[in-house]
C-alpha atoms as a PDB file:
ATOM      1  CA  MET A   1      14.099-133.257  53.940  1.00  0.00           C
ATOM      2  CA  GLU A   2      11.582-130.415  52.840  1.00  0.00           C
ATOM      3  CA  LEU A   3      12.878-128.635  49.919  1.00  0.00           C
ATOM      4  CA  ASP A   4      12.503-125.044  50.046  1.00  0.00           C
ATOM      5  CA  PHE A   5      12.081-122.973  47.064  1.00  0.00           C
ATOM      6  CA  THR A   6      10.780-119.633  48.951  1.00  0.00           C
ATOM      7  CA  GLU A   7      14.126-117.858  47.865  1.00  0.00           C
ATOM      8  CA  GLN A   8      13.648-118.728  44.103  1.00  0.00           C
ATOM      9  CA  ILE A   9       9.985-117.931  44.181  1.00  0.00           C
ATOM     10  CA  LYS A  10      10.370-114.586  45.567  1.00  0.00           C
ATOM     11  CA  SER A  11      13.323-113.822  42.784  1.00  0.00           C
ATOM     12  CA  ASN A  12      11.185-115.065  40.014  1.00  0.00           C
ATOM     13  CA  SER A  13       7.935-112.511  39.482  1.00  0.00           C
ATOM     14  CA  SER A  14       5.527-114.810  38.690  1.00  0.00           C
ATOM     15  CA  LEU A  15       1.634-114.396  38.301  1.00  0.00           C
ATOM     16  CA  TRP A  16       0.969-114.349  42.245  1.00  0.00           C
ATOM     17  CA  GLU A  17       3.875-112.025  43.120  1.00  0.00           C
ATOM     18  CA  ASN A  18       2.035-109.523  40.018  1.00  0.00           C
ATOM     19  CA  ILE A  19      -1.571-109.903  41.200  1.00  0.00           C
ATOM     20  CA  ARG A  20      -0.056-109.317  44.762  1.00  0.00           C
ATOM     21  CA  LYS A  21       1.971-106.386  43.967  1.00  0.00           C
ATOM     22  CA  LYS A  22      -1.076-104.834  41.807  1.00  0.00           C
ATOM     23  CA  LYS A  23      -3.214-105.456  44.770  1.00  0.00           C
ATOM     24  CA  GLU A  24      -0.923-103.340  47.442  1.00  0.00           C
ATOM     25  CA  ARG A  25      -0.436-100.257  44.918  1.00  0.00           C
ATOM     26  CA  ILE A  26      -4.684 -99.951  44.210  1.00  0.00           C
ATOM     27  CA  LYS A  27      -4.588-100.282  48.087  1.00  0.00           C
ATOM     28  CA  ARG A  28      -2.133 -97.638  48.405  1.00  0.00           C
ATOM     29  CA  GLY A  29      -4.487 -95.338  46.240  1.00  0.00           C
ATOM     30  CA  SER A  30      -3.210 -96.135  42.705  1.00  0.00           C
ATOM     31  CA  PRO A  31      -5.958 -95.545  40.121  1.00  0.00           C
ATOM     32  CA  GLU A  32      -5.350 -99.297  38.940  1.00  0.00           C
ATOM     33  CA  LYS A  33      -7.936-101.571  39.158  1.00  0.00           C
ATOM     34  CA  MET A  34      -7.995-105.751  39.049  1.00  0.00           C
ATOM     35  CA  ARG A  35      -9.412-107.176  35.678  1.00  0.00           C
ATOM     36  CA  LYS A  36     -12.051-109.462  35.914  1.00  0.00           C
ATOM     37  CA  PRO A  37     -11.897-113.030  34.640  1.00  0.00           C
ATOM     38  CA  GLY A  38     -12.426-112.868  30.672  1.00  0.00           C
ATOM     39  CA  ASP A  39     -11.355-108.894  30.427  1.00  0.00           C
ATOM     40  CA  LYS A  40      -8.752-108.040  27.930  1.00  0.00           C
ATOM     41  CA  GLY A  41      -5.322-108.550  29.683  1.00  0.00           C
ATOM     42  CA  ALA A  42      -6.496-110.710  32.684  1.00  0.00           C
ATOM     43  CA  PRO A  43      -5.235-114.059  33.201  1.00  0.00           C
ATOM     44  CA  THR A  44      -6.473-117.433  31.496  1.00  0.00           C
ATOM     45  CA  LYS A  45      -7.834-120.600  33.105  1.00  0.00           C
ATOM     46  CA  ASP A  46      -5.016-121.814  31.788  1.00  0.00           C
ATOM     47  CA  GLN A  47      -2.203-119.593  32.909  1.00  0.00           C
ATOM     48  CA  ILE A  48      -3.773-119.706  36.567  1.00  0.00           C
ATOM     49  CA  GLU A  49      -3.754-123.541  36.744  1.00  0.00           C
ATOM     50  CA  ARG A  50      -0.538-123.400  35.081  1.00  0.00           C
ATOM     51  CA  ALA A  51       0.546-121.137  37.734  1.00  0.00           C
ATOM     52  CA  LYS A  52      -1.115-123.026  40.752  1.00  0.00           C
ATOM     53  CA  GLY A  53       1.844-125.589  39.488  1.00  0.00           C
ATOM     54  CA  GLU A  54       1.606-129.462  40.860  1.00  0.00           C
ATOM     55  CA  ALA A  55       3.220-130.771  44.027  1.00  0.00           C
ATOM     56  CA  MET A  56       6.522-133.065  43.347  1.00  0.00           C
ATOM     57  CA  SER A  57       5.633-136.884  44.337  1.00  0.00           C
ATOM     58  CA  PRO A  58       8.358-138.089  46.716  1.00  0.00           C
ATOM     59  CA  ALA A  59      10.293-140.045  44.003  1.00  0.00           C
ATOM     60  CA  GLU A  60      10.827-137.040  42.337  1.00  0.00           C
ATOM     61  CA  LYS A  61      11.648-135.130  45.622  1.00  0.00           C
ATOM     62  CA  GLU A  62      14.198-137.650  45.740  1.00  0.00           C
ATOM     63  CA  LYS A  63      15.275-137.310  41.903  1.00  0.00           C
ATOM     64  CA  PHE A  64      15.569-133.585  42.463  1.00  0.00           C
ATOM     65  CA  MET A  65      18.082-133.287  45.169  1.00  0.00           C
ATOM     66  CA  GLU A  66      19.954-135.883  42.833  1.00  0.00           C
ATOM     67  CA  TYR A  67      20.182-133.735  40.103  1.00  0.00           C
ATOM     68  CA  GLU A  68      20.623-130.668  42.704  1.00  0.00           C
ATOM     69  CA  LYS A  69      23.895-132.634  43.664  1.00  0.00           C
ATOM     70  CA  THR A  70      24.936-133.744  40.493  1.00  0.00           C
ATOM     71  CA  VAL A  71      24.160-130.207  38.146  1.00  0.00           C
ATOM     72  CA  SER A  72      26.042-127.291  38.519  1.00  0.00           C
ATOM     73  CA  MET A  73      24.141-123.856  39.390  1.00  0.00           C
ATOM     74  CA  LYS A  74      27.106-122.220  37.977  1.00  0.00           C
ATOM     75  CA  ASP A  75      26.612-122.607  34.816  1.00  0.00           C
ATOM     76  CA  PHE A  76      23.126-121.237  34.551  1.00  0.00           C
ATOM     77  CA  VAL A  77      24.229-118.089  36.676  1.00  0.00           C
ATOM     78  CA  LYS A  78      27.000-117.620  34.765  1.00  0.00           C
ATOM     79  CA  LYS A  79      24.894-117.271  31.381  1.00  0.00           C
ATOM     80  CA  TYR A  80      21.611-115.877  32.699  1.00  0.00           C
ATOM     81  CA  GLY A  81      23.003-113.784  35.826  1.00  0.00           C
ATOM     82  CA  GLU A  82      22.104-114.662  39.293  1.00  0.00           C
ATOM     83  CA  LYS A  83      18.374-113.803  39.932  1.00  0.00           C
ATOM     84  CA  LYS A  84      17.708-115.418  36.657  1.00  0.00           C
ATOM     85  CA  GLY A  85      20.285-118.116  36.755  1.00  0.00           C
ATOM     86  CA  LYS A  86      19.101-119.295  39.942  1.00  0.00           C
ATOM     87  CA  ALA A  87      15.317-119.265  38.655  1.00  0.00           C
ATOM     88  CA  ILE A  88      16.568-121.427  35.455  1.00  0.00           C
ATOM     89  CA  TYR A  89      18.426-123.763  37.459  1.00  0.00           C
ATOM     90  CA  TYR A  90      15.614-124.775  39.810  1.00  0.00           C
ATOM     91  CA  ALA A  91      13.229-125.042  37.072  1.00  0.00           C
ATOM     92  CA  THR A  92      15.310-127.102  34.947  1.00  0.00           C
ATOM     93  CA  ILE A  93      16.239-129.699  37.470  1.00  0.00           C
ATOM     94  CA  THR A  94      12.363-129.696  38.518  1.00  0.00           C
ATOM     95  CA  LYS A  95      11.814-130.713  34.545  1.00  0.00           C
ATOM     96  CA  MET A  96      13.858-132.743  34.526  1.00  0.00           C
ATOM     97  CA  ALA A  97      13.195-135.251  38.035  1.00  0.00           C
ATOM     98  CA  LYS A  98       9.234-135.012  36.587  1.00  0.00           C
ATOM     99  CA  GLU A  99      10.513-136.145  33.247  1.00  0.00           C
ATOM    100  CA  SER A 100      12.845-138.803  34.671  1.00  0.00           C
ATOM    101  CA  VAL A 101      10.097-140.214  36.911  1.00  0.00           C
ATOM    102  CA  LYS A 102       7.526-139.920  34.536  1.00  0.00           C
ATOM    103  CA  ASP A 103       9.291-142.085  32.008  1.00  0.00           C
ATOM    104  CA  LYS A 104       9.765-144.945  34.654  1.00  0.00           C
ATOM    105  CA  LYS A 105       5.997-145.407  34.958  1.00  0.00           C
END
């Protein structure tokens, strides 16, 4: 079973989403310009690498699905609202799954 995070990715403005939106505005005639690497305000190499992320291993996916069944999303949605709550929920259980597998190694 492959995990689908498209809804969470769309609801959370990421670096890539912001870049895509800016390119669309420029295409429609906005006077904005894309920043060159190294310019003030341009994403650093570290930010780009962090945004690329890392694919989950099969063990991490299995642990993720286990946490998805046991950890309630309701508390996150109640505390942070619908959009942010879901994004924080999935980020939290992803981090928990990765750390759990890493601790076993």
